[in-house]
Amino acid sequence: MTPGIISIGQNFDVINVTGGNVGVRKINLQYLNIPIACKLRLIDLSFFRVSFLGSISAAYLLNGKEMVSHEDSKLKFPDGIVPPVLPPTYTRVYDGVISPMVHKYTMLTTSDYNPIQFFVGIGLRSDWDVSESWRVSFDLRANYGLLEPRNSSYLDQAEAFQMLYDIAGTRHDMFVQLNVGVSKYVVLERKDQKKRVKGTNTPKNRSRRKRNSKSRR
């Protein structure tokens, strides 16, 4: 069990009608991820171990944002996704859409994404015992998101062509992670405590018994 905060990001180039790069579209999602993994030992030596990993994790969305920036240029939108009514600053022409300069136009915010995501992953883990007390571990894992990250409300708007730069359809996130861990073994020894038992036959107790027997006579 290795919880952590993960960031999933993608960058897409914005291309004009002549094939030139005029901008960038950025997607960034940040999750609190709690995975649970099972290990299947493949190599087991006294100082070196390799295991196959299979994991499943639940992730809570902390922050999500999708933005686009581009120069003023003529863009080619895929057929069927141009909104019927363009903003006043956009002009439709026969071979594309004349678009003004856009700087960090926010397409999606955190509220447009599903708050919960589930990932499944597979990978390998190696453990190296560098000494009797220290171990170094390497965990390489590929993860795949099971759910569409965008919520149904946003997808309905995209299907109705209300999103200028986005299209409908399913999207799944995939990322590769490498965890490096250093651990130290700490041995705690429990000290045995000597218990004093009542009525132990010590010299002091024997002398006390003798005095008590004389007094009864």
Protein backbone atom coordinates (compact mmCIF):
# COMPACT_ATOMS: atom_id res chain seq x y z
CA MET A 1 0.00 0.00 0.00
CA THR A 2 1.74 3.16 -1.26
CA PRO A 3 -0.51 6.27 -1.16
CA GLY A 4 0.65 9.45 -2.86
CA ILE A 5 -0.25 12.47 -4.96
CA ILE A 6 0.01 11.98 -8.72
CA SER A 7 -0.21 14.48 -11.59
CA ILE A 8 -1.34 13.34 -15.04
CA GLY A 9 -0.59 15.77 -17.83
CA GLN A 10 -0.82 15.92 -21.61
CA ASN A 11 0.21 18.61 -24.08
CA PHE A 12 -1.21 18.87 -27.61
CA ASP A 13 0.03 21.14 -30.37
CA VAL A 14 -2.47 23.48 -32.05
CA ILE A 15 -1.95 23.31 -35.82
CA ASN A 16 -3.23 25.82 -38.38
CA VAL A 17 -4.58 24.95 -41.83
CA THR A 18 -1.10 24.99 -43.39
CA GLY A 19 0.36 22.63 -40.79
CA GLY A 20 2.17 25.20 -38.69
CA ASN A 21 2.33 25.01 -34.90
CA VAL A 22 0.52 28.06 -33.50
CA GLY A 23 -0.23 27.06 -29.90
CA VAL A 24 -0.61 24.41 -27.25
CA ARG A 25 -3.42 22.69 -25.38
CA LYS A 26 -2.61 21.53 -21.85
CA ILE A 27 -4.42 19.00 -19.66
CA ASN A 28 -3.45 18.52 -16.02
CA LEU A 29 -5.16 16.33 -13.41
CA GLN A 30 -3.96 15.91 -9.84
CA TYR A 31 -5.17 12.99 -7.71
CA LEU A 32 -4.72 11.66 -4.21
CA ASN A 33 -4.05 8.04 -5.16
CA ILE A 34 -4.30 5.06 -2.79
CA PRO A 35 -3.18 1.85 -4.51
CA ILE A 36 -3.08 -1.66 -3.08
CA ALA A 37 -0.73 -4.10 -4.82
CA CYS A 38 -0.12 -7.84 -4.66
CA LYS A 39 3.33 -9.28 -5.35
CA LEU A 40 4.24 -12.55 -7.03
CA ARG A 41 7.86 -13.45 -6.35
CA LEU A 42 9.84 -14.25 -9.51
CA ILE A 43 13.46 -14.18 -8.25
CA ASP A 44 14.32 -14.83 -4.61
CA LEU A 45 17.98 -14.52 -3.62
CA SER A 46 19.47 -13.71 -0.26
CA PHE A 47 20.27 -10.10 -1.26
CA PHE A 48 18.08 -9.52 -4.33
CA ARG A 49 14.37 -10.09 -5.08
CA VAL A 50 12.19 -9.42 -8.12
CA SER A 51 8.38 -9.55 -7.98
CA PHE A 52 5.54 -9.13 -10.46
CA LEU A 53 3.00 -6.52 -9.34
CA GLY A 54 -0.73 -6.25 -9.88
CA SER A 55 -2.52 -3.29 -8.32
CA ILE A 56 -5.83 -1.46 -8.11
CA SER A 57 -6.25 2.01 -6.69
CA ALA A 58 -8.92 4.56 -5.83
CA ALA A 59 -8.05 8.18 -6.62
CA TYR A 60 -9.71 11.39 -5.44
CA LEU A 61 -9.43 14.41 -7.74
CA LEU A 62 -7.70 17.35 -6.07
CA ASN A 63 -7.39 19.67 -9.06
CA GLY A 64 -8.21 19.51 -12.76
CA LYS A 65 -7.75 22.01 -15.55
CA GLU A 66 -7.61 22.07 -19.34
CA MET A 67 -6.47 25.20 -21.18
CA VAL A 68 -5.60 26.21 -24.73
CA SER A 69 -3.43 29.05 -26.03
CA HIS A 70 -2.75 29.94 -29.66
CA GLU A 71 -1.90 32.83 -31.96
CA ASP A 72 -4.41 34.55 -34.23
CA SER A 73 -4.60 32.20 -37.18
CA LYS A 74 -6.83 30.13 -39.40
CA LEU A 75 -7.62 26.81 -37.77
CA LYS A 76 -9.10 23.66 -39.26
CA PHE A 77 -11.68 22.09 -37.00
CA PRO A 78 -12.67 18.45 -37.63
CA ASP A 79 -15.92 18.11 -39.55
CA GLY A 80 -19.00 18.02 -37.37
CA ILE A 81 -17.59 19.63 -34.21
CA VAL A 82 -17.70 23.33 -35.10
CA PRO A 83 -20.51 24.90 -33.07
CA PRO A 84 -23.43 26.13 -35.16
CA VAL A 85 -23.04 29.58 -33.60
CA LEU A 86 -19.45 30.77 -33.26
CA PRO A 87 -18.34 33.50 -30.85
CA PRO A 88 -18.34 36.99 -32.45
CA THR A 89 -14.54 37.02 -32.74
CA TYR A 90 -14.46 33.80 -34.80
CA THR A 91 -15.22 33.78 -38.52
CA ARG A 92 -16.05 30.68 -40.52
CA VAL A 93 -14.53 30.52 -44.03
CA TYR A 94 -14.55 27.82 -46.66
CA ASP A 95 -11.26 26.22 -45.56
CA GLY A 96 -11.35 26.73 -41.81
CA VAL A 97 -12.12 29.17 -38.99
CA ILE A 98 -10.29 32.47 -38.57
CA SER A 99 -9.57 32.60 -34.84
CA PRO A 100 -8.24 35.43 -32.68
CA MET A 101 -5.30 35.06 -30.32
CA VAL A 102 -6.23 33.07 -27.21
CA HIS A 103 -4.13 33.02 -24.02
CA LYS A 104 -4.87 30.31 -21.46
CA TYR A 105 -8.50 29.93 -22.41
CA THR A 106 -9.99 27.59 -19.78
CA MET A 107 -11.88 24.73 -21.35
CA LEU A 108 -12.44 22.59 -18.25
CA THR A 109 -12.11 23.15 -14.51
CA THR A 110 -12.24 20.77 -11.54
CA SER A 111 -16.04 20.78 -11.50
CA ASP A 112 -16.12 19.38 -15.07
CA TYR A 113 -14.35 16.16 -14.02
CA ASN A 114 -15.52 13.15 -12.04
CA PRO A 115 -14.24 13.39 -8.44
CA ILE A 116 -13.38 9.67 -8.21
CA GLN A 117 -11.23 7.58 -10.54
CA PHE A 118 -10.03 3.98 -10.41
CA PHE A 119 -6.73 2.76 -11.82
CA VAL A 120 -5.46 -0.75 -12.48
CA GLY A 121 -1.75 -1.34 -12.88
CA ILE A 122 0.88 -3.97 -13.61
CA GLY A 123 4.62 -3.81 -13.20
CA LEU A 124 7.78 -5.11 -11.57
CA ARG A 125 9.38 -4.48 -8.20
CA SER A 126 12.96 -5.20 -7.18
CA ASP A 127 14.37 -5.16 -3.63
CA TRP A 128 18.10 -4.88 -2.98
CA ASP A 129 19.56 -5.58 0.47
CA VAL A 130 22.63 -3.36 0.43
CA SER A 131 23.46 -4.30 4.04
CA GLU A 132 21.95 -6.12 6.99
CA SER A 133 19.99 -3.00 7.96
CA TRP A 134 19.29 -1.15 4.68
CA ARG A 135 17.18 -2.02 1.63
CA VAL A 136 16.62 -0.12 -1.66
CA SER A 137 13.48 -0.80 -3.72
CA PHE A 138 12.49 0.08 -7.30
CA ASP A 139 8.82 -0.13 -8.31
CA LEU A 140 7.97 0.40 -12.02
CA ARG A 141 4.25 0.30 -12.79
CA ALA A 142 1.94 1.12 -15.74
CA ASN A 143 -1.54 2.37 -14.76
CA TYR A 144 -4.78 2.62 -16.73
CA GLY A 145 -7.84 4.67 -15.75
CA LEU A 146 -11.08 2.70 -15.80
CA LEU A 147 -13.47 5.66 -15.90
CA GLU A 148 -13.97 8.58 -18.25
CA PRO A 149 -12.43 11.52 -16.33
CA ARG A 150 -14.94 14.10 -17.62
CA ASN A 151 -18.38 14.08 -16.03
CA SER A 152 -21.64 13.38 -17.87
CA SER A 153 -22.82 16.99 -17.75
CA TYR A 154 -19.77 18.20 -19.64
CA LEU A 155 -19.98 15.35 -22.17
CA ASP A 156 -23.63 16.23 -22.88
CA GLN A 157 -22.57 19.78 -23.76
CA ALA A 158 -19.78 18.47 -25.98
CA GLU A 159 -22.21 16.21 -27.83
CA ALA A 160 -24.48 19.23 -28.38
CA PHE A 161 -21.51 21.10 -30.00
CA GLN A 162 -21.43 23.71 -27.23
CA MET A 163 -17.69 23.30 -26.62
CA LEU A 164 -15.60 25.16 -29.18
CA TYR A 165 -12.32 23.23 -28.82
CA ASP A 166 -13.54 19.88 -27.50
CA ILE A 167 -15.27 16.84 -28.94
CA ALA A 168 -17.46 14.13 -27.48
CA GLY A 169 -16.29 10.58 -26.98
CA THR A 170 -14.57 8.54 -24.31
CA ARG A 171 -11.17 9.34 -22.87
CA HIS A 172 -9.03 7.15 -20.59
CA ASP A 173 -5.85 8.20 -18.82
CA MET A 174 -2.72 6.08 -18.78
CA PHE A 175 0.56 6.82 -17.01
CA VAL A 176 3.77 5.10 -15.93
CA GLN A 177 5.24 5.65 -12.49
CA LEU A 178 8.58 4.81 -10.89
CA ASN A 179 8.82 4.66 -7.10
CA VAL A 180 12.22 4.51 -5.41
CA GLY A 181 12.22 3.56 -1.73
CA VAL A 182 14.88 3.33 0.97
CA SER A 183 14.10 1.42 4.15
CA LYS A 184 15.99 0.57 7.34
CA TYR A 185 15.35 -2.41 9.58
CA VAL A 186 15.00 -1.57 13.26
CA VAL A 187 15.10 -4.50 15.71
CA LEU A 188 13.46 -3.98 19.09
CA GLU A 189 14.32 -6.50 21.80
CA ARG A 190 11.91 -6.99 24.69
CA LYS A 191 13.58 -7.21 28.09
CA ASP A 192 12.43 -10.03 30.35
CA GLN A 193 11.23 -8.67 33.68
CA LYS A 194 11.83 -10.75 36.82
CA LYS A 195 8.69 -11.11 38.82
CA ARG A 196 8.74 -11.47 42.59
CA VAL A 197 6.45 -14.27 43.73
CA LYS A 198 4.63 -14.02 47.06
CA GLY A 199 5.56 -16.56 49.68
CA THR A 200 9.04 -17.29 48.34
CA ASN A 201 11.01 -19.38 50.83
CA THR A 202 13.83 -16.86 51.53
CA PRO A 203 15.95 -16.75 54.74
CA LYS A 204 14.04 -13.66 55.87
CA ASN A 205 10.69 -15.40 55.50
CA ARG A 206 11.96 -18.50 57.34
CA SER A 207 13.11 -16.45 60.33
CA ARG A 208 9.73 -14.69 60.41
CA ARG A 209 7.94 -18.06 60.53
CA LYS A 210 10.11 -19.16 63.48
CA ARG A 211 9.23 -16.04 65.49
CA ASN A 212 5.54 -16.48 64.80
CA SER A 213 5.64 -20.15 65.92
CA LYS A 214 7.32 -19.18 69.26
CA SER A 215 4.76 -16.53 70.01
CA ARG A 216 1.93 -19.05 69.60
CA ARG A 217 3.44 -21.31 72.25
